[in-house]
Amino acid sequence: FTPIFAELRGRFRPQGRTGMIVAQAGLSPVFSNRYDDLLDYTLKGGAFAAIGWGYAWPLKRNHSAFLSVMYRQQQGSLTFDPEGGPTIIRQINYSFIMLRAGINL
């Protein structure tokens, strides 16, 4: 699953050291051959969302570093037809806590 998303950040103060709230939303398409051993399968991506909080501090005039902790949820589905059996649909959900560090340019 490789998410494609938009991110919104709400800073508590416009400049200087400040806390922030971070939200992401988008889609999570699948690029995988993990299930190639199954005959006649379909692997689909789904919704992607994350929310969290963090802290940002200035580095230079228009640059800042940040550190954030986020709860992330990704969805998808696997559909396959076993030989001589009914179609099986499995929902795939990934939930985890993510720690991010970066630089805003």
PDB file of N, CA and C in Angstrom:
ATOM      1  N   PHE A   1       0.837  -1.179   0.000  1.00  0.00           N
ATOM      2  CA  PHE A   1       0.000   0.000   0.000  1.00  0.00           C
ATOM      3  C   PHE A   1       0.879   1.238   0.000  1.00  0.00           C
ATOM      4  N   THR A   2       0.631   2.106  -0.946  1.00  0.00           N
ATOM      5  CA  THR A   2       1.381   3.353  -1.044  1.00  0.00           C
ATOM      6  C   THR A   2       0.385   4.507  -1.027  1.00  0.00           C
ATOM      7  N   PRO A   3       0.251   5.212   0.093  1.00  0.00           N
ATOM      8  CA  PRO A   3      -0.775   6.252   0.178  1.00  0.00           C
ATOM      9  C   PRO A   3      -0.473   7.485  -0.664  1.00  0.00           C
ATOM     10  N   ILE A   4      -1.526   8.037  -1.238  1.00  0.00           N
ATOM     11  CA  ILE A   4      -1.496   9.322  -1.932  1.00  0.00           C
ATOM     12  C   ILE A   4      -2.478  10.191  -1.157  1.00  0.00           C
ATOM     13  N   PHE A   5      -2.000  11.293  -0.576  1.00  0.00           N
ATOM     14  CA  PHE A   5      -2.843  12.013   0.367  1.00  0.00           C
ATOM     15  C   PHE A   5      -2.566  13.505   0.377  1.00  0.00           C
ATOM     16  N   ALA A   6      -3.485  14.234   0.991  1.00  0.00           N
ATOM     17  CA  ALA A   6      -3.308  15.657   1.276  1.00  0.00           C
ATOM     18  C   ALA A   6      -3.083  15.782   2.776  1.00  0.00           C
ATOM     19  N   GLU A   7      -2.271  16.762   3.160  1.00  0.00           N
ATOM     20  CA  GLU A   7      -1.978  16.956   4.578  1.00  0.00           C
ATOM     21  C   GLU A   7      -2.314  18.384   4.984  1.00  0.00           C
ATOM     22  N   LEU A   8      -2.936  18.513   6.143  1.00  0.00           N
ATOM     23  CA  LEU A   8      -3.223  19.815   6.726  1.00  0.00           C
ATOM     24  C   LEU A   8      -2.510  19.903   8.069  1.00  0.00           C
ATOM     25  N   ARG A   9      -1.917  21.071   8.330  1.00  0.00           N
ATOM     26  CA  ARG A   9      -1.259  21.303   9.621  1.00  0.00           C
ATOM     27  C   ARG A   9      -1.818  22.575  10.224  1.00  0.00           C
ATOM     28  N   GLY A  10      -2.206  22.489  11.451  1.00  0.00           N
ATOM     29  CA  GLY A  10      -2.667  23.662  12.181  1.00  0.00           C
ATOM     30  C   GLY A  10      -1.669  24.002  13.265  1.00  0.00           C
ATOM     31  N   ARG A  11      -0.982  25.121  13.102  1.00  0.00           N
ATOM     32  CA  ARG A  11       0.022  25.543  14.086  1.00  0.00           C
ATOM     33  C   ARG A  11      -0.662  26.389  15.152  1.00  0.00           C
ATOM     34  N   PHE A  12      -0.250  26.238  16.389  1.00  0.00           N
ATOM     35  CA  PHE A  12      -0.830  27.019  17.483  1.00  0.00           C
ATOM     36  C   PHE A  12      -0.361  28.468  17.465  1.00  0.00           C
ATOM     37  N   ARG A  13       0.830  28.718  16.914  1.00  0.00           N
ATOM     38  CA  ARG A  13       1.354  30.069  16.725  1.00  0.00           C
ATOM     39  C   ARG A  13       1.891  30.174  15.308  1.00  0.00           C
ATOM     40  N   PRO A  14       1.792  31.333  14.668  1.00  0.00           N
ATOM     41  CA  PRO A  14       2.238  31.444  13.276  1.00  0.00           C
ATOM     42  C   PRO A  14       3.742  31.338  13.085  1.00  0.00           C
ATOM     43  N   GLN A  15       4.537  31.710  14.097  1.00  0.00           N
ATOM     44  CA  GLN A  15       5.997  31.664  13.950  1.00  0.00           C
ATOM     45  C   GLN A  15       6.634  31.184  15.239  1.00  0.00           C
ATOM     46  N   GLY A  16       7.898  30.805  15.131  1.00  0.00           N
ATOM     47  CA  GLY A  16       8.647  30.381  16.295  1.00  0.00           C
ATOM     48  C   GLY A  16       8.340  28.947  16.685  1.00  0.00           C
ATOM     49  N   ARG A  17       8.783  28.569  17.855  1.00  0.00           N
ATOM     50  CA  ARG A  17       8.531  27.218  18.366  1.00  0.00           C
ATOM     51  C   ARG A  17       7.053  27.094  18.684  1.00  0.00           C
ATOM     52  N   THR A  18       6.431  26.020  18.191  1.00  0.00           N
ATOM     53  CA  THR A  18       4.992  25.881  18.398  1.00  0.00           C
ATOM     54  C   THR A  18       4.541  24.435  18.251  1.00  0.00           C
ATOM     55  N   GLY A  19       3.473  24.107  18.924  1.00  0.00           N
ATOM     56  CA  GLY A  19       2.830  22.819  18.727  1.00  0.00           C
ATOM     57  C   GLY A  19       1.956  22.874  17.486  1.00  0.00           C
ATOM     58  N   MET A  20       1.554  21.722  17.002  1.00  0.00           N
ATOM     59  CA  MET A  20       0.702  21.680  15.806  1.00  0.00           C
ATOM     60  C   MET A  20      -0.151  20.417  15.819  1.00  0.00           C
ATOM     61  N   ILE A  21      -1.258  20.495  15.113  1.00  0.00           N
ATOM     62  CA  ILE A  21      -2.119  19.342  14.876  1.00  0.00           C
ATOM     63  C   ILE A  21      -1.959  18.984  13.401  1.00  0.00           C
ATOM     64  N   VAL A  22      -1.835  17.703  13.101  1.00  0.00           N
ATOM     65  CA  VAL A  22      -1.602  17.244  11.731  1.00  0.00           C
ATOM     66  C   VAL A  22      -2.703  16.251  11.331  1.00  0.00           C
ATOM     67  N   ALA A  23      -3.257  16.414  10.126  1.00  0.00           N
ATOM     68  CA  ALA A  23      -4.263  15.476   9.606  1.00  0.00           C
ATOM     69  C   ALA A  23      -3.935  15.150   8.159  1.00  0.00           C
ATOM     70  N   GLN A  24      -4.106  13.888   7.787  1.00  0.00           N
ATOM     71  CA  GLN A  24      -3.884  13.431   6.409  1.00  0.00           C
ATOM     72  C   GLN A  24      -5.098  12.619   5.968  1.00  0.00           C
ATOM     73  N   ALA A  25      -5.451  12.728   4.689  1.00  0.00           N
ATOM     74  CA  ALA A  25      -6.549  11.936   4.127  1.00  0.00           C
ATOM     75  C   ALA A  25      -6.267  11.687   2.651  1.00  0.00           C
ATOM     76  N   GLY A  26      -6.649  10.495   2.174  1.00  0.00           N
ATOM     77  CA  GLY A  26      -6.429  10.182   0.771  1.00  0.00           C
ATOM     78  C   GLY A  26      -6.750   8.742   0.449  1.00  0.00           C
ATOM     79  N   LEU A  27      -6.096   8.240  -0.587  1.00  0.00           N
ATOM     80  CA  LEU A  27      -6.291   6.869  -1.049  1.00  0.00           C
ATOM     81  C   LEU A  27      -4.999   6.085  -0.885  1.00  0.00           C
ATOM     82  N   SER A  28      -5.143   4.777  -0.804  1.00  0.00           N
ATOM     83  CA  SER A  28      -3.992   3.903  -0.614  1.00  0.00           C
ATOM     84  C   SER A  28      -3.985   2.810  -1.683  1.00  0.00           C
ATOM     85  N   PRO A  29      -3.517   3.122  -2.903  1.00  0.00           N
ATOM     86  CA  PRO A  29      -3.465   2.099  -3.950  1.00  0.00           C
ATOM     87  C   PRO A  29      -2.424   1.022  -3.620  1.00  0.00           C
ATOM     88  N   VAL A  30      -2.569  -0.128  -4.275  1.00  0.00           N
ATOM     89  CA  VAL A  30      -1.703  -1.271  -3.992  1.00  0.00           C
ATOM     90  C   VAL A  30      -0.787  -1.551  -5.178  1.00  0.00           C
ATOM     91  N   PHE A  31       0.491  -1.720  -4.895  1.00  0.00           N
ATOM     92  CA  PHE A  31       1.479  -2.150  -5.873  1.00  0.00           C
ATOM     93  C   PHE A  31       2.208  -3.327  -5.234  1.00  0.00           C
ATOM     94  N   SER A  32       1.674  -4.539  -5.423  1.00  0.00           N
ATOM     95  CA  SER A  32       2.230  -5.700  -4.735  1.00  0.00           C
ATOM     96  C   SER A  32       2.007  -6.970  -5.542  1.00  0.00           C
ATOM     97  N   ASN A  33       2.942  -7.884  -5.449  1.00  0.00           N
ATOM     98  CA  ASN A  33       2.775  -9.218  -6.023  1.00  0.00           C
ATOM     99  C   ASN A  33       2.808 -10.263  -4.910  1.00  0.00           C
ATOM    100  N   ARG A  34       2.476  -9.842  -3.709  1.00  0.00           N
ATOM    101  CA  ARG A  34       2.526 -10.706  -2.531  1.00  0.00           C
ATOM    102  C   ARG A  34       1.629 -11.934  -2.648  1.00  0.00           C
ATOM    103  N   TYR A  35       0.530 -11.812  -3.371  1.00  0.00           N
ATOM    104  CA  TYR A  35      -0.449 -12.903  -3.459  1.00  0.00           C
ATOM    105  C   TYR A  35      -0.416 -13.615  -4.811  1.00  0.00           C
ATOM    106  N   ASP A  36       0.696 -13.581  -5.507  1.00  0.00           N
ATOM    107  CA  ASP A  36       0.790 -14.215  -6.821  1.00  0.00           C
ATOM    108  C   ASP A  36       0.601 -15.728  -6.773  1.00  0.00           C
ATOM    109  N   ASP A  37       0.735 -16.342  -5.596  1.00  0.00           N
ATOM    110  CA  ASP A  37       0.519 -17.787  -5.493  1.00  0.00           C
ATOM    111  C   ASP A  37      -0.979 -18.137  -5.557  1.00  0.00           C
ATOM    112  N   LEU A  38      -1.864 -17.149  -5.399  1.00  0.00           N
ATOM    113  CA  LEU A  38      -3.314 -17.382  -5.521  1.00  0.00           C
ATOM    114  C   LEU A  38      -3.721 -17.260  -6.981  1.00  0.00           C
ATOM    115  N   LEU A  39      -4.625 -18.112  -7.406  1.00  0.00           N
ATOM    116  CA  LEU A  39      -5.150 -18.024  -8.757  1.00  0.00           C
ATOM    117  C   LEU A  39      -6.307 -17.036  -8.779  1.00  0.00           C
ATOM    118  N   ASP A  40      -6.367 -16.229  -9.798  1.00  0.00           N
ATOM    119  CA  ASP A  40      -7.495 -15.335 -10.025  1.00  0.00           C
ATOM    120  C   ASP A  40      -7.817 -14.485  -8.787  1.00  0.00           C
ATOM    121  N   TYR A  41      -6.877 -13.623  -8.408  1.00  0.00           N
ATOM    122  CA  TYR A  41      -7.107 -12.764  -7.244  1.00  0.00           C
ATOM    123  C   TYR A  41      -7.148 -11.293  -7.664  1.00  0.00           C
ATOM    124  N   THR A  42      -7.771 -10.475  -6.838  1.00  0.00           N
ATOM    125  CA  THR A  42      -7.806  -9.036  -7.025  1.00  0.00           C
ATOM    126  C   THR A  42      -7.435  -8.388  -5.697  1.00  0.00           C
ATOM    127  N   LEU A  43      -6.452  -7.529  -5.713  1.00  0.00           N
ATOM    128  CA  LEU A  43      -6.015  -6.807  -4.530  1.00  0.00           C
ATOM    129  C   LEU A  43      -6.286  -5.330  -4.772  1.00  0.00           C
ATOM    130  N   LYS A  44      -7.145  -4.731  -3.938  1.00  0.00           N
ATOM    131  CA  LYS A  44      -7.534  -3.335  -4.122  1.00  0.00           C
ATOM    132  C   LYS A  44      -7.142  -2.512  -2.903  1.00  0.00           C
ATOM    133  N   GLY A  45      -6.743  -1.296  -3.160  1.00  0.00           N
ATOM    134  CA  GLY A  45      -6.465  -0.358  -2.084  1.00  0.00           C
ATOM    135  C   GLY A  45      -7.770   0.258  -1.597  1.00  0.00           C
ATOM    136  N   GLY A  46      -7.658   1.191  -0.689  1.00  0.00           N
ATOM    137  CA  GLY A  46      -8.840   1.816  -0.129  1.00  0.00           C
ATOM    138  C   GLY A  46      -8.518   3.169   0.469  1.00  0.00           C
ATOM    139  N   ALA A  47      -9.240   3.516   1.509  1.00  0.00           N
ATOM    140  CA  ALA A  47      -9.087   4.811   2.155  1.00  0.00           C
ATOM    141  C   ALA A  47      -7.829   4.848   3.029  1.00  0.00           C
ATOM    142  N   PHE A  48      -7.324   6.050   3.194  1.00  0.00           N
ATOM    143  CA  PHE A  48      -6.168   6.304   4.046  1.00  0.00           C
ATOM    144  C   PHE A  48      -6.464   7.527   4.897  1.00  0.00           C
ATOM    145  N   ALA A  49      -6.172   7.468   6.193  1.00  0.00           N
ATOM    146  CA  ALA A  49      -6.357   8.618   7.078  1.00  0.00           C
ATOM    147  C   ALA A  49      -5.348   8.550   8.214  1.00  0.00           C
ATOM    148  N   ALA A  50      -4.939   9.718   8.679  1.00  0.00           N
ATOM    149  CA  ALA A  50      -4.026   9.798   9.815  1.00  0.00           C
ATOM    150  C   ALA A  50      -4.280  11.112  10.551  1.00  0.00           C
ATOM    151  N   ILE A  51      -4.112  11.083  11.857  1.00  0.00           N
ATOM    152  CA  ILE A  51      -4.247  12.290  12.666  1.00  0.00           C
ATOM    153  C   ILE A  51      -3.230  12.229  13.796  1.00  0.00           C
ATOM    154  N   GLY A  52      -2.724  13.399  14.172  1.00  0.00           N
ATOM    155  CA  GLY A  52      -1.738  13.413  15.236  1.00  0.00           C
ATOM    156  C   GLY A  52      -1.377  14.813  15.675  1.00  0.00           C
ATOM    157  N   TRP A  53      -0.354  14.914  16.456  1.00  0.00           N
ATOM    158  CA  TRP A  53       0.123  16.198  16.944  1.00  0.00           C
ATOM    159  C   TRP A  53       1.646  16.196  16.877  1.00  0.00           C
ATOM    160  N   GLY A  54       2.197  17.390  16.913  1.00  0.00           N
ATOM    161  CA  GLY A  54       3.636  17.491  16.815  1.00  0.00           C
ATOM    162  C   GLY A  54       4.152  18.821  17.317  1.00  0.00           C
ATOM    163  N   TYR A  55       5.418  19.062  17.050  1.00  0.00           N
ATOM    164  CA  TYR A  55       6.090  20.274  17.488  1.00  0.00           C
ATOM    165  C   TYR A  55       7.015  20.727  16.367  1.00  0.00           C
ATOM    166  N   ALA A  56       7.027  22.029  16.091  1.00  0.00           N
ATOM    167  CA  ALA A  56       7.881  22.593  15.044  1.00  0.00           C
ATOM    168  C   ALA A  56       8.745  23.700  15.642  1.00  0.00           C
ATOM    169  N   TRP A  57       9.971  23.826  15.121  1.00  0.00           N
ATOM    170  CA  TRP A  57      10.844  24.900  15.571  1.00  0.00           C
ATOM    171  C   TRP A  57      11.610  25.446  14.375  1.00  0.00           C
ATOM    172  N   PRO A  58      11.877  26.766  14.376  1.00  0.00           N
ATOM    173  CA  PRO A  58      12.521  27.398  13.224  1.00  0.00           C
ATOM    174  C   PRO A  58      13.986  27.004  13.082  1.00  0.00           C
ATOM    175  N   LEU A  59      14.427  26.900  11.834  1.00  0.00           N
ATOM    176  CA  LEU A  59      15.836  26.660  11.529  1.00  0.00           C
ATOM    177  C   LEU A  59      16.460  27.913  10.918  1.00  0.00           C
ATOM    178  N   LYS A  60      15.808  28.431   9.884  1.00  0.00           N
ATOM    179  CA  LYS A  60      16.215  29.665   9.213  1.00  0.00           C
ATOM    180  C   LYS A  60      14.962  30.480   8.965  1.00  0.00           C
ATOM    181  N   ARG A  61      15.089  31.533   8.204  1.00  0.00           N
ATOM    182  CA  ARG A  61      13.973  32.460   7.974  1.00  0.00           C
ATOM    183  C   ARG A  61      12.688  31.766   7.518  1.00  0.00           C
ATOM    184  N   ASN A  62      12.730  30.936   6.494  1.00  0.00           N
ATOM    185  CA  ASN A  62      11.530  30.287   5.955  1.00  0.00           C
ATOM    186  C   ASN A  62      11.571  28.762   6.077  1.00  0.00           C
ATOM    187  N   HIS A  63      12.389  28.243   6.945  1.00  0.00           N
ATOM    188  CA  HIS A  63      12.525  26.801   7.113  1.00  0.00           C
ATOM    189  C   HIS A  63      12.282  26.422   8.569  1.00  0.00           C
ATOM    190  N   SER A  64      11.728  25.230   8.764  1.00  0.00           N
ATOM    191  CA  SER A  64      11.534  24.746  10.139  1.00  0.00           C
ATOM    192  C   SER A  64      11.654  23.228  10.164  1.00  0.00           C
ATOM    193  N   ALA A  65      12.014  22.701  11.317  1.00  0.00           N
ATOM    194  CA  ALA A  65      12.056  21.260  11.533  1.00  0.00           C
ATOM    195  C   ALA A  65      10.820  20.881  12.328  1.00  0.00           C
ATOM    196  N   PHE A  66      10.395  19.630  12.199  1.00  0.00           N
ATOM    197  CA  PHE A  66       9.230  19.194  12.966  1.00  0.00           C
ATOM    198  C   PHE A  66       9.381  17.746  13.395  1.00  0.00           C
ATOM    199  N   LEU A  67       8.654  17.403  14.436  1.00  0.00           N
ATOM    200  CA  LEU A  67       8.568  16.047  14.952  1.00  0.00           C
ATOM    201  C   LEU A  67       7.098  15.823  15.278  1.00  0.00           C
ATOM    202  N   SER A  68       6.524  14.710  14.811  1.00  0.00           N
ATOM    203  CA  SER A  68       5.108  14.458  15.083  1.00  0.00           C
ATOM    204  C   SER A  68       4.859  12.980  15.357  1.00  0.00           C
ATOM    205  N   VAL A  69       3.800  12.722  16.097  1.00  0.00           N
ATOM    206  CA  VAL A  69       3.323  11.377  16.396  1.00  0.00           C
ATOM    207  C   VAL A  69       1.910  11.297  15.842  1.00  0.00           C
ATOM    208  N   MET A  70       1.637  10.234  15.039  1.00  0.00           N
ATOM    209  CA  MET A  70       0.336  10.136  14.373  1.00  0.00           C
ATOM    210  C   MET A  70      -0.242   8.728  14.492  1.00  0.00           C
ATOM    211  N   TYR A  71      -1.573   8.667  14.535  1.00  0.00           N
ATOM    212  CA  TYR A  71      -2.283   7.392  14.421  1.00  0.00           C
ATOM    213  C   TYR A  71      -2.680   7.267  12.954  1.00  0.00           C
ATOM    214  N   ARG A  72      -2.355   6.137  12.326  1.00  0.00           N
ATOM    215  CA  ARG A  72      -2.555   5.964  10.884  1.00  0.00           C
ATOM    216  C   ARG A  72      -3.426   4.740  10.619  1.00  0.00           C
ATOM    217  N   GLN A  73      -4.352   4.866   9.670  1.00  0.00           N
ATOM    218  CA  GLN A  73      -5.272   3.778   9.293  1.00  0.00           C
ATOM    219  C   GLN A  73      -5.288   3.659   7.765  1.00  0.00           C
ATOM    220  N   GLN A  74      -5.041   2.452   7.257  1.00  0.00           N
ATOM    221  CA  GLN A  74      -5.111   2.172   5.824  1.00  0.00           C
ATOM    222  C   GLN A  74      -6.032   0.976   5.604  1.00  0.00           C
ATOM    223  N   GLN A  75      -6.812   1.026   4.516  1.00  0.00           N
ATOM    224  CA  GLN A  75      -7.749  -0.050   4.220  1.00  0.00           C
ATOM    225  C   GLN A  75      -7.513  -0.596   2.815  1.00  0.00           C
ATOM    226  N   GLY A  76      -7.931  -1.829   2.623  1.00  0.00           N
ATOM    227  CA  GLY A  76      -7.852  -2.469   1.327  1.00  0.00           C
ATOM    228  C   GLY A  76      -8.664  -3.753   1.351  1.00  0.00           C
ATOM    229  N   SER A  77      -8.669  -4.474   0.226  1.00  0.00           N
ATOM    230  CA  SER A  77      -9.399  -5.748   0.184  1.00  0.00           C
ATOM    231  C   SER A  77      -8.709  -6.717  -0.763  1.00  0.00           C
ATOM    232  N   LEU A  78      -8.842  -7.995  -0.446  1.00  0.00           N
ATOM    233  CA  LEU A  78      -8.307  -9.086  -1.248  1.00  0.00           C
ATOM    234  C   LEU A  78      -9.468  -9.998  -1.606  1.00  0.00           C
ATOM    235  N   THR A  79      -9.679 -10.220  -2.891  1.00  0.00           N
ATOM    236  CA  THR A  79     -10.739 -11.108  -3.378  1.00  0.00           C
ATOM    237  C   THR A  79     -10.091 -12.213  -4.191  1.00  0.00           C
ATOM    238  N   PHE A  80     -10.453 -13.469  -3.890  1.00  0.00           N
ATOM    239  CA  PHE A  80      -9.907 -14.575  -4.691  1.00  0.00           C
ATOM    240  C   PHE A  80     -10.908 -15.718  -4.761  1.00  0.00           C
ATOM    241  N   ASP A  81     -10.725 -16.542  -5.785  1.00  0.00           N
ATOM    242  CA  ASP A  81     -11.592 -17.689  -6.044  1.00  0.00           C
ATOM    243  C   ASP A  81     -10.785 -18.968  -5.900  1.00  0.00           C
ATOM    244  N   PRO A  82     -10.894 -19.649  -4.749  1.00  0.00           N
ATOM    245  CA  PRO A  82     -10.185 -20.920  -4.609  1.00  0.00           C
ATOM    246  C   PRO A  82     -10.810 -21.966  -5.534  1.00  0.00           C
ATOM    247  N   GLU A  83     -10.012 -22.914  -5.952  1.00  0.00           N
ATOM    248  CA  GLU A  83     -10.513 -23.953  -6.862  1.00  0.00           C
ATOM    249  C   GLU A  83     -11.662 -24.717  -6.212  1.00  0.00           C
ATOM    250  N   GLY A  84     -12.818 -24.737  -6.893  1.00  0.00           N
ATOM    251  CA  GLY A  84     -13.974 -25.492  -6.419  1.00  0.00           C
ATOM    252  C   GLY A  84     -14.688 -24.888  -5.227  1.00  0.00           C
ATOM    253  N   GLY A  85     -14.360 -23.654  -4.866  1.00  0.00           N
ATOM    254  CA  GLY A  85     -15.003 -23.043  -3.697  1.00  0.00           C
ATOM    255  C   GLY A  85     -15.618 -21.702  -4.038  1.00  0.00           C
ATOM    256  N   PRO A  86     -16.299 -21.124  -3.067  1.00  0.00           N
ATOM    257  CA  PRO A  86     -16.923 -19.817  -3.296  1.00  0.00           C
ATOM    258  C   PRO A  86     -15.878 -18.698  -3.280  1.00  0.00           C
ATOM    259  N   THR A  87     -16.243 -17.548  -3.829  1.00  0.00           N
ATOM    260  CA  THR A  87     -15.374 -16.375  -3.813  1.00  0.00           C
ATOM    261  C   THR A  87     -15.170 -15.910  -2.373  1.00  0.00           C
ATOM    262  N   ILE A  88     -13.932 -15.600  -2.030  1.00  0.00           N
ATOM    263  CA  ILE A  88     -13.594 -15.146  -0.688  1.00  0.00           C
ATOM    264  C   ILE A  88     -13.135 -13.698  -0.771  1.00  0.00           C
ATOM    265  N   ILE A  89     -13.697 -12.855   0.113  1.00  0.00           N
ATOM    266  CA  ILE A  89     -13.312 -11.449   0.187  1.00  0.00           C
ATOM    267  C   ILE A  89     -12.768 -11.186   1.581  1.00  0.00           C
ATOM    268  N   ARG A  90     -11.540 -10.706   1.659  1.00  0.00           N
ATOM    269  CA  ARG A  90     -10.907 -10.387   2.940  1.00  0.00           C
ATOM    270  C   ARG A  90     -10.645  -8.886   3.004  1.00  0.00           C
ATOM    271  N   GLN A  91     -11.105  -8.260   4.061  1.00  0.00           N
ATOM    272  CA  GLN A  91     -10.805  -6.852   4.287  1.00  0.00           C
ATOM    273  C   GLN A  91      -9.431  -6.747   4.950  1.00  0.00           C
ATOM    274  N   ILE A  92      -8.619  -5.839   4.466  1.00  0.00           N
ATOM    275  CA  ILE A  92      -7.278  -5.631   4.998  1.00  0.00           C
ATOM    276  C   ILE A  92      -7.253  -4.248   5.651  1.00  0.00           C
ATOM    277  N   ASN A  93      -6.925  -4.194   6.931  1.00  0.00           N
ATOM    278  CA  ASN A  93      -6.839  -2.930   7.661  1.00  0.00           C
ATOM    279  C   ASN A  93      -5.509  -2.854   8.388  1.00  0.00           C
ATOM    280  N   TYR A  94      -4.789  -1.778   8.154  1.00  0.00           N
ATOM    281  CA  TYR A  94      -3.541  -1.525   8.856  1.00  0.00           C
ATOM    282  C   TYR A  94      -3.756  -0.333   9.778  1.00  0.00           C
ATOM    283  N   SER A  95      -3.511  -0.518  11.063  1.00  0.00           N
ATOM    284  CA  SER A  95      -3.582   0.557  12.054  1.00  0.00           C
ATOM    285  C   SER A  95      -2.270   0.579  12.814  1.00  0.00           C
ATOM    286  N   PHE A  96      -1.654   1.745  12.903  1.00  0.00           N
ATOM    287  CA  PHE A  96      -0.419   1.820  13.673  1.00  0.00           C
ATOM    288  C   PHE A  96      -0.105   3.252  14.074  1.00  0.00           C
ATOM    289  N   ILE A  97       0.820   3.382  15.014  1.00  0.00           N
ATOM    290  CA  ILE A  97       1.317   4.679  15.461  1.00  0.00           C
ATOM    291  C   ILE A  97       2.602   4.971  14.679  1.00  0.00           C
ATOM    292  N   MET A  98       2.696   6.178  14.183  1.00  0.00           N
ATOM    293  CA  MET A  98       3.823   6.556  13.335  1.00  0.00           C
ATOM    294  C   MET A  98       4.546   7.764  13.943  1.00  0.00           C
ATOM    295  N   LEU A  99       5.856   7.732  13.965  1.00  0.00           N
ATOM    296  CA  LEU A  99       6.683   8.847  14.405  1.00  0.00           C
ATOM    297  C   LEU A  99       7.352   9.436  13.170  1.00  0.00           C
ATOM    298  N   ARG A 100       7.167  10.735  12.956  1.00  0.00           N
ATOM    299  CA  ARG A 100       7.749  11.399  11.789  1.00  0.00           C
ATOM    300  C   ARG A 100       8.654  12.545  12.212  1.00  0.00           C
ATOM    301  N   ALA A 101       9.727  12.724  11.487  1.00  0.00           N
ATOM    302  CA  ALA A 101      10.613  13.879  11.659  1.00  0.00           C
ATOM    303  C   ALA A 101      10.917  14.418  10.275  1.00  0.00           C
ATOM    304  N   GLY A 102      11.004  15.735  10.149  1.00  0.00           N
ATOM    305  CA  GLY A 102      11.271  16.284   8.835  1.00  0.00           C
ATOM    306  C   GLY A 102      11.618  17.752   8.879  1.00  0.00           C
ATOM    307  N   ILE A 103      11.808  18.304   7.691  1.00  0.00           N
ATOM    308  CA  ILE A 103      12.141  19.721   7.518  1.00  0.00           C
ATOM    309  C   ILE A 103      11.168  20.318   6.525  1.00  0.00           C
ATOM    310  N   ASN A 104      10.560  21.443   6.872  1.00  0.00           N
ATOM    311  CA  ASN A 104       9.689  22.192   5.956  1.00  0.00           C
ATOM    312  C   ASN A 104      10.542  23.186   5.196  1.00  0.00           C
ATOM    313  N   LEU A 105      10.493  23.114   3.878  1.00  0.00           N
ATOM    314  CA  LEU A 105      11.298  24.019   3.053  1.00  0.00           C
ATOM    315  C   LEU A 105      10.469  25.193   2.584  1.00  0.00           C
TER     316      LEU A 105
END
